[in-house]
């Protein structure tokens, strides 16, 4: 297993981290959406970096207070099936 880390500075960074972690777990957008009770189109929008007021505000708050947001996930090298 390889540990991956991404710095989150923009909504697109957040979306890419979600996408990479989802793929590392072998999940489709539809499966992830079902797991968290949202639509597949919501997952697609998040992964596509479409901003939301909440994500944008959280990133602004983090920057204003000197907090560094990072995402860490494990990439399993096992074949996905």
N, C-alpha and C. Protein backbone atom coordinates (compact mmCIF):
# COMPACT_ATOMS: atom_id res chain seq x y z
N UNK A 1 0.83 -1.18 0.00
CA UNK A 1 0.00 0.00 0.00
C UNK A 1 0.87 1.25 0.00
N UNK A 2 0.46 2.20 -0.80
CA UNK A 2 1.15 3.46 -0.91
C UNK A 2 0.27 4.54 -0.30
N UNK A 3 0.85 5.37 0.55
CA UNK A 3 0.09 6.47 1.14
C UNK A 3 0.22 7.69 0.25
N UNK A 4 -0.90 8.29 -0.11
CA UNK A 4 -0.94 9.48 -0.96
C UNK A 4 -1.38 10.67 -0.12
N UNK A 5 -0.82 11.85 -0.44
CA UNK A 5 -1.19 13.08 0.26
C UNK A 5 -1.35 14.20 -0.76
N UNK A 6 -2.34 15.04 -0.55
CA UNK A 6 -2.56 16.21 -1.41
C UNK A 6 -2.85 17.41 -0.53
N UNK A 7 -2.29 18.56 -0.89
CA UNK A 7 -2.61 19.81 -0.20
C UNK A 7 -3.86 20.39 -0.83
N UNK A 8 -4.79 20.81 0.01
CA UNK A 8 -6.07 21.34 -0.47
C UNK A 8 -6.07 22.86 -0.36
N UNK A 9 -5.96 23.52 -1.50
CA UNK A 9 -5.93 24.98 -1.53
C UNK A 9 -7.07 25.58 -2.33
N UNK A 10 -7.77 24.74 -3.09
CA UNK A 10 -8.86 25.20 -3.95
C UNK A 10 -9.89 24.08 -4.06
N UNK A 11 -11.13 24.43 -4.43
CA UNK A 11 -12.13 23.38 -4.60
C UNK A 11 -11.69 22.27 -5.55
N UNK A 12 -10.95 22.62 -6.59
CA UNK A 12 -10.48 21.60 -7.53
C UNK A 12 -9.52 20.62 -6.85
N UNK A 13 -8.71 21.12 -5.90
CA UNK A 13 -7.80 20.23 -5.15
C UNK A 13 -8.60 19.23 -4.33
N UNK A 14 -9.66 19.72 -3.70
CA UNK A 14 -10.53 18.86 -2.89
C UNK A 14 -11.17 17.79 -3.78
N UNK A 15 -11.69 18.21 -4.91
CA UNK A 15 -12.34 17.28 -5.83
C UNK A 15 -11.40 16.22 -6.35
N UNK A 16 -10.18 16.63 -6.70
CA UNK A 16 -9.20 15.67 -7.20
C UNK A 16 -8.82 14.66 -6.13
N UNK A 17 -8.66 15.13 -4.89
CA UNK A 17 -8.34 14.22 -3.79
C UNK A 17 -9.46 13.20 -3.58
N UNK A 18 -10.71 13.66 -3.63
CA UNK A 18 -11.85 12.75 -3.49
C UNK A 18 -11.83 11.72 -4.63
N UNK A 19 -11.61 12.19 -5.84
CA UNK A 19 -11.58 11.29 -6.98
C UNK A 19 -10.47 10.25 -6.85
N UNK A 20 -9.28 10.67 -6.51
CA UNK A 20 -8.15 9.75 -6.40
C UNK A 20 -8.37 8.73 -5.27
N UNK A 21 -8.91 9.20 -4.14
CA UNK A 21 -9.19 8.27 -3.04
C UNK A 21 -10.30 7.29 -3.41
N UNK A 22 -11.30 7.77 -4.14
CA UNK A 22 -12.38 6.88 -4.60
C UNK A 22 -11.83 5.81 -5.52
N UNK A 23 -11.01 6.22 -6.47
CA UNK A 23 -10.42 5.26 -7.41
C UNK A 23 -9.51 4.27 -6.70
N UNK A 24 -8.76 4.76 -5.71
CA UNK A 24 -7.87 3.87 -4.94
C UNK A 24 -8.65 2.79 -4.22
N UNK A 25 -9.89 3.08 -3.86
CA UNK A 25 -10.74 2.08 -3.18
C UNK A 25 -11.55 1.24 -4.17
N UNK A 26 -11.39 1.53 -5.45
CA UNK A 26 -12.10 0.76 -6.46
C UNK A 26 -13.59 1.05 -6.53
N UNK A 27 -13.98 2.25 -6.14
CA UNK A 27 -15.40 2.63 -6.14
C UNK A 27 -15.75 3.44 -7.38
N UNK A 28 -16.94 3.22 -7.88
CA UNK A 28 -17.47 4.08 -8.93
C UNK A 28 -18.09 5.32 -8.28
N UNK A 29 -18.36 6.33 -9.07
CA UNK A 29 -19.06 7.50 -8.54
C UNK A 29 -20.42 7.10 -7.98
N UNK A 30 -21.09 6.20 -8.66
CA UNK A 30 -22.41 5.75 -8.22
C UNK A 30 -22.34 5.04 -6.87
N UNK A 31 -21.33 4.20 -6.70
CA UNK A 31 -21.17 3.49 -5.42
C UNK A 31 -20.86 4.47 -4.29
N UNK A 32 -19.96 5.42 -4.54
CA UNK A 32 -19.64 6.39 -3.50
C UNK A 32 -20.86 7.24 -3.17
N UNK A 33 -21.59 7.63 -4.18
CA UNK A 33 -22.81 8.43 -3.96
C UNK A 33 -23.80 7.68 -3.07
N UNK A 34 -23.97 6.40 -3.33
CA UNK A 34 -24.88 5.59 -2.51
C UNK A 34 -24.37 5.48 -1.08
N UNK A 35 -23.05 5.35 -0.91
CA UNK A 35 -22.47 5.25 0.43
C UNK A 35 -22.72 6.49 1.28
N UNK A 36 -22.74 7.66 0.64
CA UNK A 36 -22.89 8.91 1.41
C UNK A 36 -24.25 9.58 1.18
N UNK A 37 -25.15 8.86 0.48
CA UNK A 37 -26.53 9.30 0.27
C UNK A 37 -26.65 10.64 -0.45
N UNK A 38 -25.92 10.73 -1.58
CA UNK A 38 -26.07 11.87 -2.49
C UNK A 38 -26.19 11.30 -3.89
N UNK A 39 -26.48 12.16 -4.85
CA UNK A 39 -26.60 11.70 -6.23
C UNK A 39 -25.22 11.53 -6.86
N UNK A 40 -25.17 10.72 -7.90
CA UNK A 40 -23.93 10.54 -8.65
C UNK A 40 -23.50 11.87 -9.25
N UNK A 41 -24.45 12.69 -9.67
CA UNK A 41 -24.10 13.98 -10.26
C UNK A 41 -23.45 14.91 -9.23
N UNK A 42 -23.80 14.75 -7.96
CA UNK A 42 -23.14 15.53 -6.90
C UNK A 42 -21.68 15.12 -6.79
N UNK A 43 -21.42 13.81 -6.81
CA UNK A 43 -20.03 13.33 -6.76
C UNK A 43 -19.27 13.85 -7.98
N UNK A 44 -19.88 13.80 -9.14
CA UNK A 44 -19.24 14.29 -10.35
C UNK A 44 -18.90 15.77 -10.24
N UNK A 45 -19.82 16.56 -9.70
CA UNK A 45 -19.58 18.00 -9.55
C UNK A 45 -18.44 18.27 -8.57
N UNK A 46 -18.41 17.54 -7.47
CA UNK A 46 -17.34 17.71 -6.48
C UNK A 46 -16.00 17.34 -7.10
N UNK A 47 -15.95 16.18 -7.75
CA UNK A 47 -14.70 15.74 -8.36
C UNK A 47 -14.26 16.67 -9.48
N UNK A 48 -15.22 17.31 -10.13
CA UNK A 48 -14.91 18.25 -11.21
C UNK A 48 -14.45 19.61 -10.71
N UNK A 49 -14.42 19.78 -9.38
CA UNK A 49 -13.93 21.02 -8.81
C UNK A 49 -14.94 22.14 -8.77
N UNK A 50 -16.20 21.81 -9.01
CA UNK A 50 -17.21 22.86 -8.94
C UNK A 50 -17.30 23.35 -7.50
N UNK A 51 -17.14 24.62 -7.35
CA UNK A 51 -17.07 25.21 -6.02
C UNK A 51 -18.44 25.26 -5.35
N UNK A 52 -18.41 25.21 -4.05
CA UNK A 52 -19.60 25.47 -3.26
C UNK A 52 -19.23 26.55 -2.27
N UNK A 53 -20.23 27.22 -1.77
CA UNK A 53 -19.96 28.27 -0.79
C UNK A 53 -19.25 27.69 0.42
N UNK A 54 -19.68 26.54 0.89
CA UNK A 54 -19.07 25.94 2.07
C UNK A 54 -17.60 25.60 1.85
N UNK A 55 -17.28 24.93 0.76
CA UNK A 55 -15.88 24.57 0.50
C UNK A 55 -15.03 25.82 0.32
N UNK A 56 -15.53 26.78 -0.43
CA UNK A 56 -14.78 28.02 -0.65
C UNK A 56 -14.53 28.74 0.66
N UNK A 57 -15.55 28.83 1.52
CA UNK A 57 -15.40 29.51 2.82
C UNK A 57 -14.42 28.77 3.73
N UNK A 58 -14.50 27.44 3.75
CA UNK A 58 -13.56 26.66 4.56
C UNK A 58 -12.12 26.90 4.12
N UNK A 59 -11.89 26.95 2.82
CA UNK A 59 -10.55 27.20 2.31
C UNK A 59 -10.09 28.61 2.66
N UNK A 60 -10.99 29.59 2.59
CA UNK A 60 -10.65 30.96 2.98
C UNK A 60 -10.32 31.05 4.46
N UNK A 61 -11.12 30.37 5.29
CA UNK A 61 -10.86 30.36 6.72
C UNK A 61 -9.51 29.71 7.03
N UNK A 62 -9.22 28.62 6.36
CA UNK A 62 -7.95 27.94 6.58
C UNK A 62 -6.78 28.86 6.21
N UNK A 63 -6.89 29.52 5.07
CA UNK A 63 -5.82 30.41 4.64
C UNK A 63 -5.66 31.59 5.61
N UNK A 64 -6.76 32.17 6.04
CA UNK A 64 -6.72 33.34 6.93
C UNK A 64 -6.15 33.00 8.30
N UNK A 65 -6.28 31.75 8.71
CA UNK A 65 -5.80 31.36 10.04
C UNK A 65 -4.50 30.56 9.99
N UNK A 66 -3.98 30.37 8.79
CA UNK A 66 -2.71 29.66 8.66
C UNK A 66 -2.82 28.15 8.76
N UNK A 67 -4.03 27.63 8.64
CA UNK A 67 -4.23 26.18 8.68
C UNK A 67 -3.97 25.61 7.30
N UNK A 68 -3.22 24.52 7.25
CA UNK A 68 -2.98 23.82 6.00
C UNK A 68 -3.88 22.59 5.95
N UNK A 69 -4.72 22.52 4.95
CA UNK A 69 -5.60 21.37 4.79
C UNK A 69 -4.94 20.37 3.85
N UNK A 70 -4.91 19.13 4.27
CA UNK A 70 -4.37 18.06 3.43
C UNK A 70 -5.32 16.87 3.45
N UNK A 71 -5.23 16.09 2.42
CA UNK A 71 -5.98 14.84 2.34
C UNK A 71 -4.97 13.72 2.22
N UNK A 72 -5.19 12.64 2.96
CA UNK A 72 -4.30 11.48 2.92
C UNK A 72 -5.14 10.23 2.75
N UNK A 73 -4.72 9.37 1.84
CA UNK A 73 -5.42 8.11 1.63
C UNK A 73 -4.41 7.06 1.21
N UNK A 74 -4.79 5.82 1.34
CA UNK A 74 -3.93 4.71 0.94
C UNK A 74 -4.38 4.18 -0.41
N UNK A 75 -3.41 3.96 -1.26
CA UNK A 75 -3.66 3.41 -2.60
C UNK A 75 -3.26 1.96 -2.56
N UNK A 76 -4.23 1.09 -2.57
CA UNK A 76 -3.99 -0.35 -2.52
C UNK A 76 -3.53 -0.82 -3.88
N UNK A 77 -2.38 -1.46 -3.93
CA UNK A 77 -1.83 -1.95 -5.20
C UNK A 77 -2.50 -3.23 -5.68
N UNK A 78 -3.42 -3.76 -4.90
CA UNK A 78 -4.11 -5.01 -5.29
C UNK A 78 -5.01 -4.73 -6.50
N UNK A 79 -5.15 -5.72 -7.36
CA UNK A 79 -6.03 -5.56 -8.53
C UNK A 79 -7.46 -5.27 -8.12
N UNK A 80 -8.10 -4.40 -8.86
CA UNK A 80 -9.50 -4.05 -8.58
C UNK A 80 -10.39 -4.86 -9.52
N UNK A 81 -11.46 -5.35 -8.97
CA UNK A 81 -12.30 -6.18 -9.83
C UNK A 81 -13.67 -5.89 -9.66
